[in-house]
Amino acid sequence: MDLRAADLRGADLSAADLSDADLSGADLSGANLSGVNLRGADLSYAKLSGADLRGADLRGANLTDADLGEADLREAHLGDAVVNRANLANANLRGAERRGTQRRRADRNKPDRRKAGPDGYERP
């Protein structure tokens, strides 16, 4: 599926099958991508700031130079994903599976890995 440079800001794509999709340069800022299948997708240079990627399958995805600042990646599957130079500032990676993830010079300033309270929200 070719969605290169698509404007999908704030879109609800939860549980969609976007495996092997080309989303390079797409703007997915604030999008709901919870539970989405992005296995093997090209998300290089994509804007995913503030996106909800809880439980998303990103195994083998290319996230090179992607902006994942403030993204919610709790319980996401990132095994074998390439996150070279990706911005992960303040991204929530709690419980994310990252085995085999390739990263070089990724910006991981202050990722929020705190445990959530019983209501599911992050504790201060």
PDB file of N, CA and C in Angstrom:
ATOM      1  N   MET A   1       0.851  -1.166   0.000  1.00  0.00           N
ATOM      2  CA  MET A   1       0.000   0.000   0.000  1.00  0.00           C
ATOM      3  C   MET A   1       0.905   1.240   0.000  1.00  0.00           C
ATOM      4  N   ASP A   2       0.686   2.129  -0.901  1.00  0.00           N
ATOM      5  CA  ASP A   2       1.514   3.329  -1.037  1.00  0.00           C
ATOM      6  C   ASP A   2       0.822   4.526  -0.387  1.00  0.00           C
ATOM      7  N   LEU A   3       1.321   4.901   0.786  1.00  0.00           N
ATOM      8  CA  LEU A   3       0.797   6.064   1.504  1.00  0.00           C
ATOM      9  C   LEU A   3       1.918   7.052   1.778  1.00  0.00           C
ATOM     10  N   ARG A   4       2.901   7.096   0.880  1.00  0.00           N
ATOM     11  CA  ARG A   4       4.033   8.010   1.037  1.00  0.00           C
ATOM     12  C   ARG A   4       3.551   9.445   1.164  1.00  0.00           C
ATOM     13  N   ALA A   5       4.088  10.139   2.169  1.00  0.00           N
ATOM     14  CA  ALA A   5       3.817  11.557   2.413  1.00  0.00           C
ATOM     15  C   ALA A   5       2.328  11.860   2.622  1.00  0.00           C
ATOM     16  N   ALA A   6       1.538  10.871   2.996  1.00  0.00           N
ATOM     17  CA  ALA A   6       0.103  11.076   3.227  1.00  0.00           C
ATOM     18  C   ALA A   6      -0.116  11.905   4.489  1.00  0.00           C
ATOM     19  N   ASP A   7      -1.149  12.742   4.472  1.00  0.00           N
ATOM     20  CA  ASP A   7      -1.518  13.526   5.642  1.00  0.00           C
ATOM     21  C   ASP A   7      -2.592  12.753   6.401  1.00  0.00           C
ATOM     22  N   LEU A   8      -2.171  12.064   7.460  1.00  0.00           N
ATOM     23  CA  LEU A   8      -3.079  11.242   8.254  1.00  0.00           C
ATOM     24  C   LEU A   8      -3.096  11.727   9.702  1.00  0.00           C
ATOM     25  N   ARG A   9      -2.869  13.019   9.903  1.00  0.00           N
ATOM     26  CA  ARG A   9      -2.869  13.600  11.248  1.00  0.00           C
ATOM     27  C   ARG A   9      -4.196  13.328  11.943  1.00  0.00           C
ATOM     28  N   GLY A  10      -4.098  12.771  13.149  1.00  0.00           N
ATOM     29  CA  GLY A  10      -5.287  12.546  13.960  1.00  0.00           C
ATOM     30  C   GLY A  10      -6.201  11.439  13.459  1.00  0.00           C
ATOM     31  N   ALA A  11      -5.812  10.698  12.445  1.00  0.00           N
ATOM     32  CA  ALA A  11      -6.666   9.636  11.885  1.00  0.00           C
ATOM     33  C   ALA A  11      -6.817   8.478  12.867  1.00  0.00           C
ATOM     34  N   ASP A  12      -7.958   7.812  12.815  1.00  0.00           N
ATOM     35  CA  ASP A  12      -8.176   6.614  13.622  1.00  0.00           C
ATOM     36  C   ASP A  12      -7.949   5.400  12.727  1.00  0.00           C
ATOM     37  N   LEU A  13      -6.780   4.807  12.880  1.00  0.00           N
ATOM     38  CA  LEU A  13      -6.418   3.630  12.096  1.00  0.00           C
ATOM     39  C   LEU A  13      -6.248   2.419  13.008  1.00  0.00           C
ATOM     40  N   SER A  14      -6.855   2.469  14.183  1.00  0.00           N
ATOM     41  CA  SER A  14      -6.687   1.400  15.158  1.00  0.00           C
ATOM     42  C   SER A  14      -7.060   0.054  14.556  1.00  0.00           C
ATOM     43  N   ALA A  15      -6.207  -0.930  14.845  1.00  0.00           N
ATOM     44  CA  ALA A  15      -6.385  -2.323  14.421  1.00  0.00           C
ATOM     45  C   ALA A  15      -6.338  -2.521  12.902  1.00  0.00           C
ATOM     46  N   ALA A  16      -5.887  -1.531  12.152  1.00  0.00           N
ATOM     47  CA  ALA A  16      -5.785  -1.665  10.685  1.00  0.00           C
ATOM     48  C   ALA A  16      -4.600  -2.558  10.318  1.00  0.00           C
ATOM     49  N   ASP A  17      -4.666  -3.173   9.154  1.00  0.00           N
ATOM     50  CA  ASP A  17      -3.550  -3.967   8.647  1.00  0.00           C
ATOM     51  C   ASP A  17      -2.793  -3.130   7.631  1.00  0.00           C
ATOM     52  N   LEU A  18      -1.674  -2.571   8.068  1.00  0.00           N
ATOM     53  CA  LEU A  18      -0.821  -1.763   7.205  1.00  0.00           C
ATOM     54  C   LEU A  18       0.542  -2.433   7.044  1.00  0.00           C
ATOM     55  N   SER A  19       0.552  -3.748   7.146  1.00  0.00           N
ATOM     56  CA  SER A  19       1.810  -4.480   7.016  1.00  0.00           C
ATOM     57  C   SER A  19       2.407  -4.229   5.638  1.00  0.00           C
ATOM     58  N   ASP A  20       3.716  -4.008   5.624  1.00  0.00           N
ATOM     59  CA  ASP A  20       4.488  -3.747   4.404  1.00  0.00           C
ATOM     60  C   ASP A  20       4.067  -2.472   3.662  1.00  0.00           C
ATOM     61  N   ALA A  21       3.280  -1.615   4.292  1.00  0.00           N
ATOM     62  CA  ALA A  21       2.855  -0.359   3.659  1.00  0.00           C
ATOM     63  C   ALA A  21       4.025   0.622   3.585  1.00  0.00           C
ATOM     64  N   ASP A  22       4.007   1.468   2.567  1.00  0.00           N
ATOM     65  CA  ASP A  22       5.001   2.534   2.445  1.00  0.00           C
ATOM     66  C   ASP A  22       4.383   3.812   2.987  1.00  0.00           C
ATOM     67  N   LEU A  23       4.775   4.150   4.218  1.00  0.00           N
ATOM     68  CA  LEU A  23       4.302   5.358   4.882  1.00  0.00           C
ATOM     69  C   LEU A  23       5.446   6.340   5.076  1.00  0.00           C
ATOM     70  N   SER A  24       6.471   6.218   4.246  1.00  0.00           N
ATOM     71  CA  SER A  24       7.632   7.093   4.393  1.00  0.00           C
ATOM     72  C   SER A  24       7.218   8.549   4.201  1.00  0.00           C
ATOM     73  N   GLY A  25       7.643   9.394   5.132  1.00  0.00           N
ATOM     74  CA  GLY A  25       7.327  10.815   5.061  1.00  0.00           C
ATOM     75  C   GLY A  25       5.897  11.167   5.399  1.00  0.00           C
ATOM     76  N   ALA A  26       5.081  10.195   5.804  1.00  0.00           N
ATOM     77  CA  ALA A  26       3.673  10.462   6.132  1.00  0.00           C
ATOM     78  C   ALA A  26       3.576  11.212   7.451  1.00  0.00           C
ATOM     79  N   ASP A  27       2.531  12.013   7.598  1.00  0.00           N
ATOM     80  CA  ASP A  27       2.282  12.724   8.843  1.00  0.00           C
ATOM     81  C   ASP A  27       1.166  12.001   9.588  1.00  0.00           C
ATOM     82  N   LEU A  28       1.556  11.276  10.637  1.00  0.00           N
ATOM     83  CA  LEU A  28       0.623  10.529  11.473  1.00  0.00           C
ATOM     84  C   LEU A  28       0.583  11.107  12.889  1.00  0.00           C
ATOM     85  N   SER A  29       0.906  12.377  13.009  1.00  0.00           N
ATOM     86  CA  SER A  29       0.922  13.040  14.316  1.00  0.00           C
ATOM     87  C   SER A  29      -0.440  12.916  14.977  1.00  0.00           C
ATOM     88  N   GLY A  30      -0.438  12.466  16.228  1.00  0.00           N
ATOM     89  CA  GLY A  30      -1.676  12.362  16.985  1.00  0.00           C
ATOM     90  C   GLY A  30      -2.628  11.289  16.508  1.00  0.00           C
ATOM     91  N   ALA A  31      -2.210  10.444  15.597  1.00  0.00           N
ATOM     92  CA  ALA A  31      -3.089   9.396  15.063  1.00  0.00           C
ATOM     93  C   ALA A  31      -3.282   8.267  16.069  1.00  0.00           C
ATOM     94  N   ASN A  32      -4.431   7.606  15.987  1.00  0.00           N
ATOM     95  CA  ASN A  32      -4.693   6.421  16.801  1.00  0.00           C
ATOM     96  C   ASN A  32      -4.268   5.198  15.991  1.00  0.00           C
ATOM     97  N   LEU A  33      -3.131   4.634  16.360  1.00  0.00           N
ATOM     98  CA  LEU A  33      -2.582   3.458  15.696  1.00  0.00           C
ATOM     99  C   LEU A  33      -2.506   2.289  16.671  1.00  0.00           C
ATOM    100  N   SER A  34      -3.341   2.307  17.683  1.00  0.00           N
ATOM    101  CA  SER A  34      -3.304   1.242  18.680  1.00  0.00           C
ATOM    102  C   SER A  34      -3.708  -0.080  18.041  1.00  0.00           C
ATOM    103  N   GLY A  35      -2.891  -1.097  18.296  1.00  0.00           N
ATOM    104  CA  GLY A  35      -3.172  -2.429  17.783  1.00  0.00           C
ATOM    105  C   GLY A  35      -2.994  -2.595  16.286  1.00  0.00           C
ATOM    106  N   VAL A  36      -2.456  -1.598  15.610  1.00  0.00           N
ATOM    107  CA  VAL A  36      -2.305  -1.661  14.155  1.00  0.00           C
ATOM    108  C   VAL A  36      -1.154  -2.603  13.774  1.00  0.00           C
ATOM    109  N   ASN A  37      -1.295  -3.267  12.646  1.00  0.00           N
ATOM    110  CA  ASN A  37      -0.237  -4.127  12.127  1.00  0.00           C
ATOM    111  C   ASN A  37       0.598  -3.318  11.142  1.00  0.00           C
ATOM    112  N   LEU A  38       1.806  -2.944  11.587  1.00  0.00           N
ATOM    113  CA  LEU A  38       2.746  -2.194  10.747  1.00  0.00           C
ATOM    114  C   LEU A  38       3.996  -3.034  10.496  1.00  0.00           C
ATOM    115  N   ARG A  39       3.825  -4.334  10.561  1.00  0.00           N
ATOM    116  CA  ARG A  39       4.959  -5.245  10.391  1.00  0.00           C
ATOM    117  C   ARG A  39       5.586  -5.053   9.011  1.00  0.00           C
ATOM    118  N   GLY A  40       6.897  -4.748   9.003  1.00  0.00           N
ATOM    119  CA  GLY A  40       7.624  -4.574   7.754  1.00  0.00           C
ATOM    120  C   GLY A  40       7.321  -3.277   7.025  1.00  0.00           C
ATOM    121  N   ALA A  41       6.579  -2.378   7.636  1.00  0.00           N
ATOM    122  CA  ALA A  41       6.210  -1.109   6.984  1.00  0.00           C
ATOM    123  C   ALA A  41       7.408  -0.155   6.931  1.00  0.00           C
ATOM    124  N   ASP A  42       7.397   0.719   5.940  1.00  0.00           N
ATOM    125  CA  ASP A  42       8.418   1.766   5.822  1.00  0.00           C
ATOM    126  C   ASP A  42       7.845   3.045   6.406  1.00  0.00           C
ATOM    127  N   LEU A  43       8.329   3.417   7.583  1.00  0.00           N
ATOM    128  CA  LEU A  43       7.910   4.641   8.274  1.00  0.00           C
ATOM    129  C   LEU A  43       9.074   5.615   8.380  1.00  0.00           C
ATOM    130  N   SER A  44      10.046   5.482   7.486  1.00  0.00           N
ATOM    131  CA  SER A  44      11.184   6.389   7.526  1.00  0.00           C
ATOM    132  C   SER A  44      10.706   7.821   7.287  1.00  0.00           C
ATOM    133  N   TYR A  45      11.255   8.731   8.081  1.00  0.00           N
ATOM    134  CA  TYR A  45      10.932  10.161   8.020  1.00  0.00           C
ATOM    135  C   TYR A  45       9.463  10.469   8.340  1.00  0.00           C
ATOM    136  N   ALA A  46       8.727   9.502   8.865  1.00  0.00           N
ATOM    137  CA  ALA A  46       7.320   9.729   9.221  1.00  0.00           C
ATOM    138  C   ALA A  46       7.230  10.560  10.494  1.00  0.00           C
ATOM    139  N   LYS A  47       6.168  11.337  10.595  1.00  0.00           N
ATOM    140  CA  LYS A  47       5.897  12.139  11.788  1.00  0.00           C
ATOM    141  C   LYS A  47       4.849  11.393  12.605  1.00  0.00           C
ATOM    142  N   LEU A  48       5.290  10.850  13.739  1.00  0.00           N
ATOM    143  CA  LEU A  48       4.422  10.075  14.617  1.00  0.00           C
ATOM    144  C   LEU A  48       4.357  10.692  16.007  1.00  0.00           C
ATOM    145  N   SER A  49       4.670  11.969  16.107  1.00  0.00           N
ATOM    146  CA  SER A  49       4.674  12.622  17.418  1.00  0.00           C
ATOM    147  C   SER A  49       3.271  12.598  18.020  1.00  0.00           C
ATOM    148  N   GLY A  50       3.220  12.184  19.277  1.00  0.00           N
ATOM    149  CA  GLY A  50       1.946  12.126  19.980  1.00  0.00           C
ATOM    150  C   GLY A  50       1.014  11.027  19.517  1.00  0.00           C
ATOM    151  N   ALA A  51       1.479  10.131  18.659  1.00  0.00           N
ATOM    152  CA  ALA A  51       0.623   9.047  18.157  1.00  0.00           C
ATOM    153  C   ALA A  51       0.425   7.974  19.222  1.00  0.00           C
ATOM    154  N   ASP A  52      -0.719   7.323  19.177  1.00  0.00           N
ATOM    155  CA  ASP A  52      -1.036   6.213  20.073  1.00  0.00           C
ATOM    156  C   ASP A  52      -0.704   4.916  19.342  1.00  0.00           C
ATOM    157  N   LEU A  53       0.404   4.302  19.735  1.00  0.00           N
ATOM    158  CA  LEU A  53       0.862   3.053  19.123  1.00  0.00           C
ATOM    159  C   LEU A  53       0.842   1.915  20.133  1.00  0.00           C
ATOM    160  N   ARG A  54      -0.037   2.006  21.118  1.00  0.00           N
ATOM    161  CA  ARG A  54      -0.122   0.953  22.130  1.00  0.00           C
ATOM    162  C   ARG A  54      -0.451  -0.385  21.477  1.00  0.00           C
ATOM    163  N   GLY A  55       0.398  -1.379  21.758  1.00  0.00           N
ATOM    164  CA  GLY A  55       0.159  -2.723  21.249  1.00  0.00           C
ATOM    165  C   GLY A  55       0.347  -2.885  19.756  1.00  0.00           C
ATOM    166  N   ALA A  56       0.906  -1.888  19.094  1.00  0.00           N
ATOM    167  CA  ALA A  56       1.114  -1.971  17.636  1.00  0.00           C
ATOM    168  C   ALA A  56       2.217  -2.975  17.315  1.00  0.00           C
ATOM    169  N   ASP A  57       2.085  -3.632  16.173  1.00  0.00           N
ATOM    170  CA  ASP A  57       3.102  -4.577  15.710  1.00  0.00           C
ATOM    171  C   ASP A  57       3.995  -3.854  14.711  1.00  0.00           C
ATOM    172  N   LEU A  58       5.195  -3.499  15.168  1.00  0.00           N
ATOM    173  CA  LEU A  58       6.167  -2.773  14.348  1.00  0.00           C
ATOM    174  C   LEU A  58       7.388  -3.647  14.046  1.00  0.00           C
ATOM    175  N   ARG A  59       7.232  -4.960  14.184  1.00  0.00           N
ATOM    176  CA  ARG A  59       8.366  -5.853  13.942  1.00  0.00           C
ATOM    177  C   ARG A  59       8.849  -5.719  12.502  1.00  0.00           C
ATOM    178  N   GLY A  60      10.154  -5.484  12.385  1.00  0.00           N
ATOM    179  CA  GLY A  60      10.764  -5.356  11.067  1.00  0.00           C
ATOM    180  C   GLY A  60      10.469  -4.062  10.351  1.00  0.00           C
ATOM    181  N   ALA A  61       9.818  -3.120  11.014  1.00  0.00           N
ATOM    182  CA  ALA A  61       9.489  -1.830  10.387  1.00  0.00           C
ATOM    183  C   ALA A  61      10.732  -0.947  10.300  1.00  0.00           C
ATOM    184  N   ASN A  62      10.751  -0.064   9.306  1.00  0.00           N
ATOM    185  CA  ASN A  62      11.833   0.904   9.147  1.00  0.00           C
ATOM    186  C   ASN A  62      11.354   2.242   9.696  1.00  0.00           C
ATOM    187  N   LEU A  63      11.931   2.644  10.842  1.00  0.00           N
ATOM    188  CA  LEU A  63      11.584   3.909  11.487  1.00  0.00           C
ATOM    189  C   LEU A  63      12.761   4.878  11.459  1.00  0.00           C
ATOM    190  N   THR A  64      13.634   4.718  10.489  1.00  0.00           N
ATOM    191  CA  THR A  64      14.806   5.586  10.365  1.00  0.00           C
ATOM    192  C   THR A  64      14.375   7.044  10.216  1.00  0.00           C
ATOM    193  N   ASP A  65      14.946   7.905  11.060  1.00  0.00           N
ATOM    194  CA  ASP A  65      14.670   9.345  11.050  1.00  0.00           C
ATOM    195  C   ASP A  65      13.203   9.692  11.314  1.00  0.00           C
ATOM    196  N   ALA A  66      12.441   8.776  11.890  1.00  0.00           N
ATOM    197  CA  ALA A  66      11.038   9.054  12.225  1.00  0.00           C
ATOM    198  C   ALA A  66      10.971   9.889  13.508  1.00  0.00           C
ATOM    199  N   ASP A  67       9.929  10.690  13.630  1.00  0.00           N
ATOM    200  CA  ASP A  67       9.694  11.488  14.833  1.00  0.00           C
ATOM    201  C   ASP A  67       8.636  10.784  15.673  1.00  0.00           C
ATOM    202  N   LEU A  68       9.081  10.149  16.769  1.00  0.00           N
ATOM    203  CA  LEU A  68       8.193   9.453  17.695  1.00  0.00           C
ATOM    204  C   LEU A  68       8.132  10.169  19.043  1.00  0.00           C
ATOM    205  N   GLY A  69       8.465  11.457  19.046  1.00  0.00           N
ATOM    206  CA  GLY A  69       8.432  12.229  20.278  1.00  0.00           C
ATOM    207  C   GLY A  69       7.037  12.222  20.880  1.00  0.00           C
ATOM    208  N   GLU A  70       6.965  11.945  22.198  1.00  0.00           N
ATOM    209  CA  GLU A  70       5.696  11.931  22.931  1.00  0.00           C
ATOM    210  C   GLU A  70       4.760  10.800  22.486  1.00  0.00           C
ATOM    211  N   ALA A  71       5.223   9.869  21.655  1.00  0.00           N
ATOM    212  CA  ALA A  71       4.371   8.765  21.205  1.00  0.00           C
ATOM    213  C   ALA A  71       4.170   7.756  22.335  1.00  0.00           C
ATOM    214  N   ASP A  72       3.027   7.105  22.331  1.00  0.00           N
ATOM    215  CA  ASP A  72       2.713   6.073  23.314  1.00  0.00           C
ATOM    216  C   ASP A  72       2.948   4.713  22.672  1.00  0.00           C
ATOM    217  N   LEU A  73       4.055   4.086  23.059  1.00  0.00           N
ATOM    218  CA  LEU A  73       4.444   2.786  22.497  1.00  0.00           C
ATOM    219  C   LEU A  73       4.341   1.677  23.547  1.00  0.00           C
ATOM    220  N   ARG A  74       3.497   1.867  24.542  1.00  0.00           N
ATOM    221  CA  ARG A  74       3.347   0.832  25.561  1.00  0.00           C
ATOM    222  C   ARG A  74       2.909  -0.483  24.919  1.00  0.00           C
ATOM    223  N   GLU A  75       3.611  -1.565  25.309  1.00  0.00           N
ATOM    224  CA  GLU A  75       3.296  -2.917  24.852  1.00  0.00           C
ATOM    225  C   GLU A  75       3.429  -3.101  23.337  1.00  0.00           C
ATOM    226  N   ALA A  76       4.078  -2.173  22.648  1.00  0.00           N
ATOM    227  CA  ALA A  76       4.299  -2.314  21.201  1.00  0.00           C
ATOM    228  C   ALA A  76       5.370  -3.366  20.939  1.00  0.00           C
ATOM    229  N   HIS A  77       5.324  -3.971  19.783  1.00  0.00           N
ATOM    230  CA  HIS A  77       6.289  -4.992  19.373  1.00  0.00           C
ATOM    231  C   HIS A  77       7.246  -4.354  18.369  1.00  0.00           C
ATOM    232  N   LEU A  78       8.491  -4.107  18.824  1.00  0.00           N
ATOM    233  CA  LEU A  78       9.484  -3.428  17.994  1.00  0.00           C
ATOM    234  C   LEU A  78      10.626  -4.350  17.585  1.00  0.00           C
ATOM    235  N   GLY A  79      10.475  -5.642  17.775  1.00  0.00           N
ATOM    236  CA  GLY A  79      11.542  -6.581  17.450  1.00  0.00           C
ATOM    237  C   GLY A  79      11.995  -6.452  16.007  1.00  0.00           C
ATOM    238  N   ASP A  80      13.304  -6.351  15.827  1.00  0.00           N
ATOM    239  CA  ASP A  80      13.937  -6.243  14.506  1.00  0.00           C
ATOM    240  C   ASP A  80      13.579  -4.963  13.754  1.00  0.00           C
ATOM    241  N   ALA A  81      12.954  -3.998  14.422  1.00  0.00           N
ATOM    242  CA  ALA A  81      12.684  -2.709  13.776  1.00  0.00           C
ATOM    243  C   ALA A  81      13.983  -1.910  13.687  1.00  0.00           C
ATOM    244  N   VAL A  82      14.063  -1.043  12.698  1.00  0.00           N
ATOM    245  CA  VAL A  82      15.223  -0.167  12.523  1.00  0.00           C
ATOM    246  C   VAL A  82      14.792   1.234  12.946  1.00  0.00           C
ATOM    247  N   VAL A  83      15.435   1.747  14.006  1.00  0.00           N
ATOM    248  CA  VAL A  83      15.066   3.067  14.536  1.00  0.00           C
ATOM    249  C   VAL A  83      16.258   4.024  14.513  1.00  0.00           C
ATOM    250  N   ASN A  84      17.102   3.881  13.524  1.00  0.00           N
ATOM    251  CA  ASN A  84      18.282   4.733  13.409  1.00  0.00           C
ATOM    252  C   ASN A  84      17.883   6.210  13.341  1.00  0.00           C
ATOM    253  N   ARG A  85      18.512   6.997  14.230  1.00  0.00           N
ATOM    254  CA  ARG A  85      18.315   8.454  14.281  1.00  0.00           C
ATOM    255  C   ARG A  85      16.865   8.861  14.532  1.00  0.00           C
ATOM    256  N   ALA A  86      16.045   7.954  15.012  1.00  0.00           N
ATOM    257  CA  ALA A  86      14.650   8.293  15.315  1.00  0.00           C
ATOM    258  C   ALA A  86      14.591   9.142  16.581  1.00  0.00           C
ATOM    259  N   ASN A  87      13.661  10.074  16.623  1.00  0.00           N
ATOM    260  CA  ASN A  87      13.424  10.882  17.806  1.00  0.00           C
ATOM    261  C   ASN A  87      12.442  10.132  18.698  1.00  0.00           C
ATOM    262  N   LEU A  88      12.925   9.696  19.858  1.00  0.00           N
ATOM    263  CA  LEU A  88      12.088   9.001  20.831  1.00  0.00           C
ATOM    264  C   LEU A  88      11.964   9.811  22.122  1.00  0.00           C
ATOM    265  N   ALA A  89      12.174  11.121  22.021  1.00  0.00           N
ATOM    266  CA  ALA A  89      12.120  11.980  23.207  1.00  0.00           C
ATOM    267  C   ALA A  89      10.742  11.915  23.851  1.00  0.00           C
ATOM    268  N   ASN A  90      10.749  11.582  25.152  1.00  0.00           N
ATOM    269  CA  ASN A  90       9.524  11.506  25.944  1.00  0.00           C
ATOM    270  C   ASN A  90       8.527  10.473  25.440  1.00  0.00           C
ATOM    271  N   ALA A  91       8.969   9.528  24.619  1.00  0.00           N
ATOM    272  CA  ALA A  91       8.095   8.441  24.189  1.00  0.00           C
ATOM    273  C   ALA A  91       7.915   7.464  25.342  1.00  0.00           C
ATOM    274  N   ASN A  92       6.740   6.896  25.459  1.00  0.00           N
ATOM    275  CA  ASN A  92       6.463   5.921  26.503  1.00  0.00           C
ATOM    276  C   ASN A  92       6.697   4.529  25.927  1.00  0.00           C
ATOM    277  N   LEU A  93       7.785   3.885  26.369  1.00  0.00           N
ATOM    278  CA  LEU A  93       8.170   2.563  25.870  1.00  0.00           C
ATOM    279  C   LEU A  93       7.941   1.478  26.918  1.00  0.00           C
ATOM    280  N   ARG A  94       7.162   1.763  27.934  1.00  0.00           N
ATOM    281  CA  ARG A  94       6.939   0.794  28.995  1.00  0.00           C
ATOM    282  C   ARG A  94       6.302  -0.479  28.449  1.00  0.00           C
ATOM    283  N   GLY A  95       6.962  -1.584  28.702  1.00  0.00           N
ATOM    284  CA  GLY A  95       6.443  -2.881  28.269  1.00  0.00           C
ATOM    285  C   GLY A  95       6.644  -3.179  26.800  1.00  0.00           C
ATOM    286  N   ALA A  96       7.305  -2.292  26.074  1.00  0.00           N
ATOM    287  CA  ALA A  96       7.529  -2.526  24.637  1.00  0.00           C
ATOM    288  C   ALA A  96       8.575  -3.617  24.440  1.00  0.00           C
ATOM    289  N   GLU A  97       8.344  -4.495  23.509  1.00  0.00           N
ATOM    290  CA  GLU A  97       9.276  -5.561  23.167  1.00  0.00           C
ATOM    291  C   GLU A  97      10.240  -5.005  22.142  1.00  0.00           C
ATOM    292  N   ARG A  98      11.558  -4.957  22.515  1.00  0.00           N
ATOM    293  CA  ARG A  98      12.546  -4.303  21.654  1.00  0.00           C
ATOM    294  C   ARG A  98      13.690  -5.228  21.261  1.00  0.00           C
ATOM    295  N   ARG A  99      13.549  -6.519  21.459  1.00  0.00           N
ATOM    296  CA  ARG A  99      14.614  -7.457  21.148  1.00  0.00           C
ATOM    297  C   ARG A  99      14.968  -7.402  19.664  1.00  0.00           C
ATOM    298  N   GLY A 100      16.253  -7.204  19.386  1.00  0.00           N
ATOM    299  CA  GLY A 100      16.720  -7.174  18.000  1.00  0.00           C
ATOM    300  C   GLY A 100      16.557  -5.834  17.312  1.00  0.00           C
ATOM    301  N   THR A 101      16.050  -4.836  18.034  1.00  0.00           N
ATOM    302  CA  THR A 101      15.874  -3.513  17.444  1.00  0.00           C
ATOM    303  C   THR A 101      17.232  -2.909  17.110  1.00  0.00           C
ATOM    304  N   GLN A 102      17.328  -2.320  15.928  1.00  0.00           N
ATOM    305  CA  GLN A 102      18.562  -1.675  15.495  1.00  0.00           C
ATOM    306  C   GLN A 102      18.416  -0.171  15.670  1.00  0.00           C
ATOM    307  N   ARG A 103      19.356   0.425  16.429  1.00  0.00           N
ATOM    308  CA  ARG A 103      19.281   1.869  16.612  1.00  0.00           C
ATOM    309  C   ARG A 103      20.678   2.460  16.669  1.00  0.00           C
ATOM    310  N   ARG A 104      20.830   3.569  16.043  1.00  0.00           N
ATOM    311  CA  ARG A 104      22.072   4.337  16.081  1.00  0.00           C
ATOM    312  C   ARG A 104      21.709   5.798  16.269  1.00  0.00           C
ATOM    313  N   ARG A 105      22.358   6.406  17.254  1.00  0.00           N
ATOM    314  CA  ARG A 105      22.179   7.835  17.538  1.00  0.00           C
ATOM    315  C   ARG A 105      20.715   8.229  17.663  1.00  0.00           C
ATOM    316  N   ALA A 106      19.902   7.360  18.216  1.00  0.00           N
ATOM    317  CA  ALA A 106      18.502   7.716  18.433  1.00  0.00           C
ATOM    318  C   ALA A 106      18.409   8.698  19.588  1.00  0.00           C
ATOM    319  N   ASP A 107      17.524   9.670  19.497  1.00  0.00           N
ATOM    320  CA  ASP A 107      17.305  10.629  20.562  1.00  0.00           C
ATOM    321  C   ASP A 107      16.297  10.027  21.525  1.00  0.00           C
ATOM    322  N   ARG A 108      16.796   9.581  22.682  1.00  0.00           N
ATOM    323  CA  ARG A 108      15.925   8.942  23.657  1.00  0.00           C
ATOM    324  C   ARG A 108      15.916   9.742  24.940  1.00  0.00           C
ATOM    325  N   ASN A 109      15.871  11.034  24.854  1.00  0.00           N
ATOM    326  CA  ASN A 109      15.854  11.884  26.042  1.00  0.00           C
ATOM    327  C   ASN A 109      14.592  11.643  26.854  1.00  0.00           C
ATOM    328  N   LYS A 110      14.794  11.202  28.061  1.00  0.00           N
ATOM    329  CA  LYS A 110      13.717  11.041  29.021  1.00  0.00           C
ATOM    330  C   LYS A 110      12.546  10.187  28.542  1.00  0.00           C
ATOM    331  N   PRO A 111      12.756   8.969  28.028  1.00  0.00           N
ATOM    332  CA  PRO A 111      11.595   8.141  27.715  1.00  0.00           C
ATOM    333  C   PRO A 111      10.868   7.786  29.007  1.00  0.00           C
ATOM    334  N   ASP A 112       9.566   7.774  29.002  1.00  0.00           N
ATOM    335  CA  ASP A 112       8.786   7.534  30.200  1.00  0.00           C
ATOM    336  C   ASP A 112       8.515   6.042  30.337  1.00  0.00           C
ATOM    337  N   ARG A 113       9.219   5.411  31.286  1.00  0.00           N
ATOM    338  CA  ARG A 113       9.063   3.977  31.496  1.00  0.00           C
ATOM    339  C   ARG A 113       8.431   3.679  32.853  1.00  0.00           C
ATOM    340  N   ARG A 114       7.810   4.654  33.463  1.00  0.00           N
ATOM    341  CA  ARG A 114       7.192   4.448  34.770  1.00  0.00           C
ATOM    342  C   ARG A 114       6.003   3.501  34.646  1.00  0.00           C
ATOM    343  N   LYS A 115       5.710   2.843  35.747  1.00  0.00           N
ATOM    344  CA  LYS A 115       4.567   1.937  35.767  1.00  0.00           C
ATOM    345  C   LYS A 115       3.283   2.749  35.884  1.00  0.00           C
ATOM    346  N   ALA A 116       2.267   2.275  35.241  1.00  0.00           N
ATOM    347  CA  ALA A 116       0.973   2.945  35.296  1.00  0.00           C
ATOM    348  C   ALA A 116       0.251   2.572  36.581  1.00  0.00           C
ATOM    349  N   GLY A 117      -0.635   3.451  37.011  1.00  0.00           N
ATOM    350  CA  GLY A 117      -1.468   3.163  38.166  1.00  0.00           C
ATOM    351  C   GLY A 117      -2.584   2.219  37.778  1.00  0.00           C
ATOM    352  N   PRO A 118      -3.447   1.847  38.715  1.00  0.00           N
ATOM    353  CA  PRO A 118      -4.517   0.894  38.440  1.00  0.00           C
ATOM    354  C   PRO A 118      -5.503   1.376  37.375  1.00  0.00           C
ATOM    355  N   ASP A 119      -5.574   2.683  37.173  1.00  0.00           N
ATOM    356  CA  ASP A 119      -6.488   3.221  36.169  1.00  0.00           C
ATOM    357  C   ASP A 119      -5.864   3.263  34.772  1.00  0.00           C
ATOM    358  N   GLY A 120      -4.591   2.841  34.649  1.00  0.00           N
ATOM    359  CA  GLY A 120      -3.927   2.814  33.349  1.00  0.00           C
ATOM    360  C   GLY A 120      -3.193   4.077  32.994  1.00  0.00           C
ATOM    361  N   TYR A 121      -3.341   5.141  33.804  1.00  0.00           N
ATOM    362  CA  TYR A 121      -2.672   6.396  33.515  1.00  0.00           C
ATOM    363  C   TYR A 121      -1.308   6.438  34.201  1.00  0.00           C
ATOM    364  N   GLU A 122      -0.399   7.149  33.607  1.00  0.00           N
ATOM    365  CA  GLU A 122       0.940   7.277  34.168  1.00  0.00           C
ATOM    366  C   GLU A 122       0.897   8.053  35.470  1.00  0.00           C
ATOM    367  N   ARG A 123       1.671   7.594  36.444  1.00  0.00           N
ATOM    368  CA  ARG A 123       1.808   8.316  37.699  1.00  0.00           C
ATOM    369  C   ARG A 123       2.761   9.489  37.517  1.00  0.00           C
ATOM    370  N   PRO A 124       2.547  10.596  38.221  1.00  0.00           N
ATOM    371  CA  PRO A 124       3.476  11.728  38.114  1.00  0.00           C
ATOM    372  C   PRO A 124       4.833  11.403  38.726  1.00  0.00           C
TER     373      PRO A 124
END
